[in-house]
Protein backbone atom coordinates (compact mmCIF):
# COMPACT_ATOMS: atom_id res chain seq x y z
CA UNK A 1 174.02 111.02 -39.11
CA UNK A 2 170.34 110.87 -40.05
CA UNK A 3 168.53 114.19 -39.77
CA UNK A 4 165.62 114.29 -37.36
CA UNK A 5 162.56 116.49 -37.07
CA UNK A 6 160.24 116.84 -34.08
CA UNK A 7 156.62 117.98 -34.18
CA UNK A 8 154.99 118.46 -30.77
CA UNK A 9 152.10 120.11 -28.94
CA UNK A 10 152.75 123.77 -28.24
CA UNK A 11 150.27 124.70 -25.56
CA UNK A 12 151.28 122.60 -22.61
CA UNK A 13 154.27 121.42 -20.67
CA UNK A 14 153.78 117.80 -21.79
CA UNK A 15 154.40 118.76 -25.42
CA UNK A 16 157.39 120.92 -24.51
CA UNK A 17 158.87 118.22 -22.26
CA UNK A 18 158.32 115.57 -24.95
CA UNK A 19 160.22 117.69 -27.47
CA UNK A 20 163.01 118.41 -24.97
CA UNK A 21 163.42 114.71 -24.19
CA UNK A 22 163.60 113.88 -27.90
CA UNK A 23 166.21 116.60 -28.48
CA UNK A 24 168.32 115.00 -25.73
CA UNK A 25 167.76 111.50 -27.13
CA UNK A 26 168.65 112.50 -30.70
CA UNK A 27 171.83 114.30 -29.58
CA UNK A 28 172.55 116.79 -32.32
CA UNK A 29 170.70 115.25 -35.26
CA UNK A 30 167.63 117.49 -34.85
CA UNK A 31 167.25 119.82 -37.80
CA UNK A 32 164.00 121.44 -36.68
CA UNK A 33 161.47 121.38 -33.83
CA UNK A 34 157.98 122.43 -34.86
CA UNK A 35 155.24 123.18 -32.35
CA UNK A 36 151.57 123.08 -33.28
CA UNK A 37 148.13 122.21 -31.95
CA UNK A 38 146.00 119.15 -32.71
CA UNK A 39 143.62 120.64 -35.24
CA UNK A 40 143.63 120.54 -39.03
CA UNK A 41 144.12 124.28 -39.56
CA UNK A 42 147.35 124.28 -37.52
CA UNK A 43 148.66 120.76 -38.10
CA UNK A 44 148.60 120.84 -41.90
CA UNK A 45 150.86 123.91 -42.22
CA UNK A 46 153.17 122.52 -39.51
CA UNK A 47 153.47 119.14 -41.22
CA UNK A 48 153.98 120.87 -44.57
CA UNK A 49 157.27 122.21 -43.18
CA UNK A 50 158.50 118.59 -43.30
CA UNK A 51 158.08 118.30 -47.08
CA UNK A 52 161.75 119.07 -47.90
CA UNK A 53 162.91 116.23 -45.60
CA UNK A 54 164.49 113.22 -47.31
CA UNK A 55 165.51 110.01 -45.54
CA UNK A 56 164.95 111.63 -42.15
CA UNK A 57 163.40 110.48 -38.89
CA UNK A 58 160.25 112.36 -37.96
CA UNK A 59 158.99 112.25 -34.37
CA UNK A 60 155.46 113.44 -33.58
CA UNK A 61 154.68 113.77 -29.88
CA UNK A 62 151.69 114.70 -27.72
CA UNK A 63 149.46 115.37 -30.72
CA UNK A 64 146.30 113.44 -31.42
CA UNK A 65 144.83 113.34 -34.89
CA UNK A 66 141.80 115.59 -35.13
CA UNK A 67 138.71 113.65 -36.20
CA UNK A 68 137.90 116.38 -38.71
CA UNK A 69 140.70 116.57 -41.24
CA UNK A 70 142.72 113.50 -40.38
CA UNK A 71 142.43 112.31 -43.99
CA UNK A 72 144.27 115.45 -45.17
CA UNK A 73 146.95 115.04 -42.50
CA UNK A 74 147.31 111.37 -43.44
CA UNK A 75 147.70 112.25 -47.15
CA UNK A 76 150.38 114.83 -46.37
CA UNK A 77 152.32 112.44 -44.13
CA UNK A 78 152.00 109.62 -46.67
CA UNK A 79 153.73 111.87 -49.23
CA UNK A 80 156.41 112.79 -46.68
CA UNK A 81 156.97 109.10 -45.87
CA UNK A 82 157.33 108.35 -49.60
CA UNK A 83 160.45 110.55 -49.62
CA UNK A 84 162.21 107.91 -47.52
CA UNK A 85 161.28 109.39 -44.16
CA UNK A 86 160.50 107.31 -41.06
CA UNK A 87 157.62 108.50 -38.88
CA UNK A 88 157.42 107.72 -35.16
CA UNK A 89 154.30 109.00 -33.39
CA UNK A 90 153.77 108.93 -29.62
CA UNK A 91 150.58 110.28 -28.08
CA UNK A 92 148.35 109.60 -25.08
CA UNK A 93 145.11 111.26 -26.18
CA UNK A 94 142.01 109.47 -27.51
CA UNK A 95 142.13 108.43 -31.19
CA UNK A 96 139.37 106.92 -33.28
CA UNK A 97 139.93 103.32 -34.33
CA UNK A 98 139.76 104.45 -37.97
CA UNK A 99 142.56 106.98 -37.47
CA UNK A 100 144.70 104.43 -35.61
CA UNK A 101 144.33 101.88 -38.40
CA UNK A 102 145.06 104.43 -41.12
CA UNK A 103 148.13 105.96 -39.51
CA UNK A 104 149.51 102.53 -38.60
CA UNK A 105 150.06 102.00 -42.35
CA UNK A 106 152.52 104.90 -42.65
CA UNK A 107 154.27 104.99 -39.29
CA UNK A 108 157.28 102.98 -38.24
CA UNK A 109 156.14 103.35 -34.62
CA UNK A 110 152.67 104.36 -33.50
CA UNK A 111 151.93 104.58 -29.79
CA UNK A 112 148.54 106.21 -29.52
CA UNK A 113 145.17 106.06 -27.88
CA UNK A 114 143.94 107.29 -24.56
CA UNK A 115 146.33 106.55 -21.72
CA UNK A 116 145.11 107.78 -18.34
CA UNK A 117 148.30 106.68 -16.57
CA UNK A 118 151.04 108.16 -18.77
CA UNK A 119 151.37 111.50 -20.49
CA UNK A 120 153.33 111.78 -23.75
CA UNK A 121 156.57 112.80 -22.01
CA UNK A 122 156.37 109.62 -19.92
CA UNK A 123 155.82 107.52 -23.04
CA UNK A 124 158.77 109.23 -24.75
CA UNK A 125 160.92 108.56 -21.68
CA UNK A 126 159.90 104.88 -21.48
CA UNK A 127 160.39 104.23 -25.19
CA UNK A 128 163.47 106.30 -25.99
CA UNK A 129 165.19 107.86 -22.97
CA UNK A 130 165.13 105.25 -20.18
CA UNK A 131 168.66 105.91 -18.97
CA UNK A 132 168.52 109.73 -19.06
CA UNK A 133 167.88 111.25 -15.62
CA UNK A 134 167.02 114.70 -17.01
CA UNK A 135 164.38 113.16 -19.27
CA UNK A 136 163.04 111.18 -16.32
CA UNK A 137 162.59 114.39 -14.32
CA UNK A 138 160.92 116.15 -17.28
CA UNK A 139 158.51 113.21 -17.63
CA UNK A 140 157.68 113.32 -13.92
CA UNK A 141 156.99 117.06 -14.04
CA UNK A 142 154.90 116.68 -17.19
CA UNK A 143 152.80 114.01 -15.47
CA UNK A 144 151.86 116.46 -12.70
CA UNK A 145 150.95 119.23 -15.11
CA UNK A 146 149.19 117.13 -17.73
CA UNK A 147 147.00 115.29 -15.26
CA UNK A 148 146.52 118.39 -13.09
CA UNK A 149 147.95 116.77 -9.96
CA UNK A 150 149.00 118.92 -7.03
CA UNK A 151 152.22 117.46 -5.63
CA UNK A 152 152.73 117.20 -1.87
CA UNK A 153 155.98 119.13 -2.19
CA UNK A 154 154.95 122.80 -1.77
CA UNK A 155 158.04 124.14 -3.60
CA UNK A 156 157.44 121.83 -6.54
CA UNK A 157 153.77 122.80 -6.63
CA UNK A 158 154.70 126.50 -6.77
CA UNK A 159 157.28 125.82 -9.50
CA UNK A 160 154.70 123.95 -11.59
CA UNK A 161 152.25 126.84 -11.28
CA UNK A 162 154.99 129.17 -12.61
CA UNK A 163 155.72 126.78 -15.50
CA UNK A 164 152.02 126.71 -16.41
CA UNK A 165 151.84 130.49 -16.38
CA UNK A 166 154.88 130.77 -18.67
CA UNK A 167 153.32 128.46 -21.23
C-alpha cells in the first residue's frame, strides 16, 4: 500500500472536511495529516514535514498558494516530488496564472482557481469520493459554512454555528 499524506487548511470547516473525506477515501494509507494556513510562514514548515516521504501520494486541499512566497513553496515541493512522490492539489480559491502554470509542472493533479460554486470539500467529493455518503454530507455542510449560507433547516443552522465556534 502506498503511503499518503494530507495537507489541508486548518482554520475552517472546509479544510477539515476536505481532510476527513480524503482520510475516508485513502482507507488506512494515511501516514500523516498536516494542517496549515495559506501563507509562506506557515506553509513552508508544514510542507517541510513531507521531506522524508518517498514514493508517496501527497494530497493538498483547500490551500491556495500565497502570491508572496510561492516560489519557495514551489521549490520545496519540487524537491519532494523528485523523491518519487505524487502531488494532487485541490483548491477553490483564486490563484495567479503564474502560480497555476508553475505548479502544473510538478503536480499529477491540479484543480485550482476561484470556484464560486464549489468549496474544496465538494471538489474532493466529486473527484475522489463520489460513492461515499458520509463524504457527500461533509461536502454539503462545508458548502454552507464556506460560502456563509444560512440553511432553511433551523437545527442544521444551529449545528453549523456550533461547528464554526469549535473551529
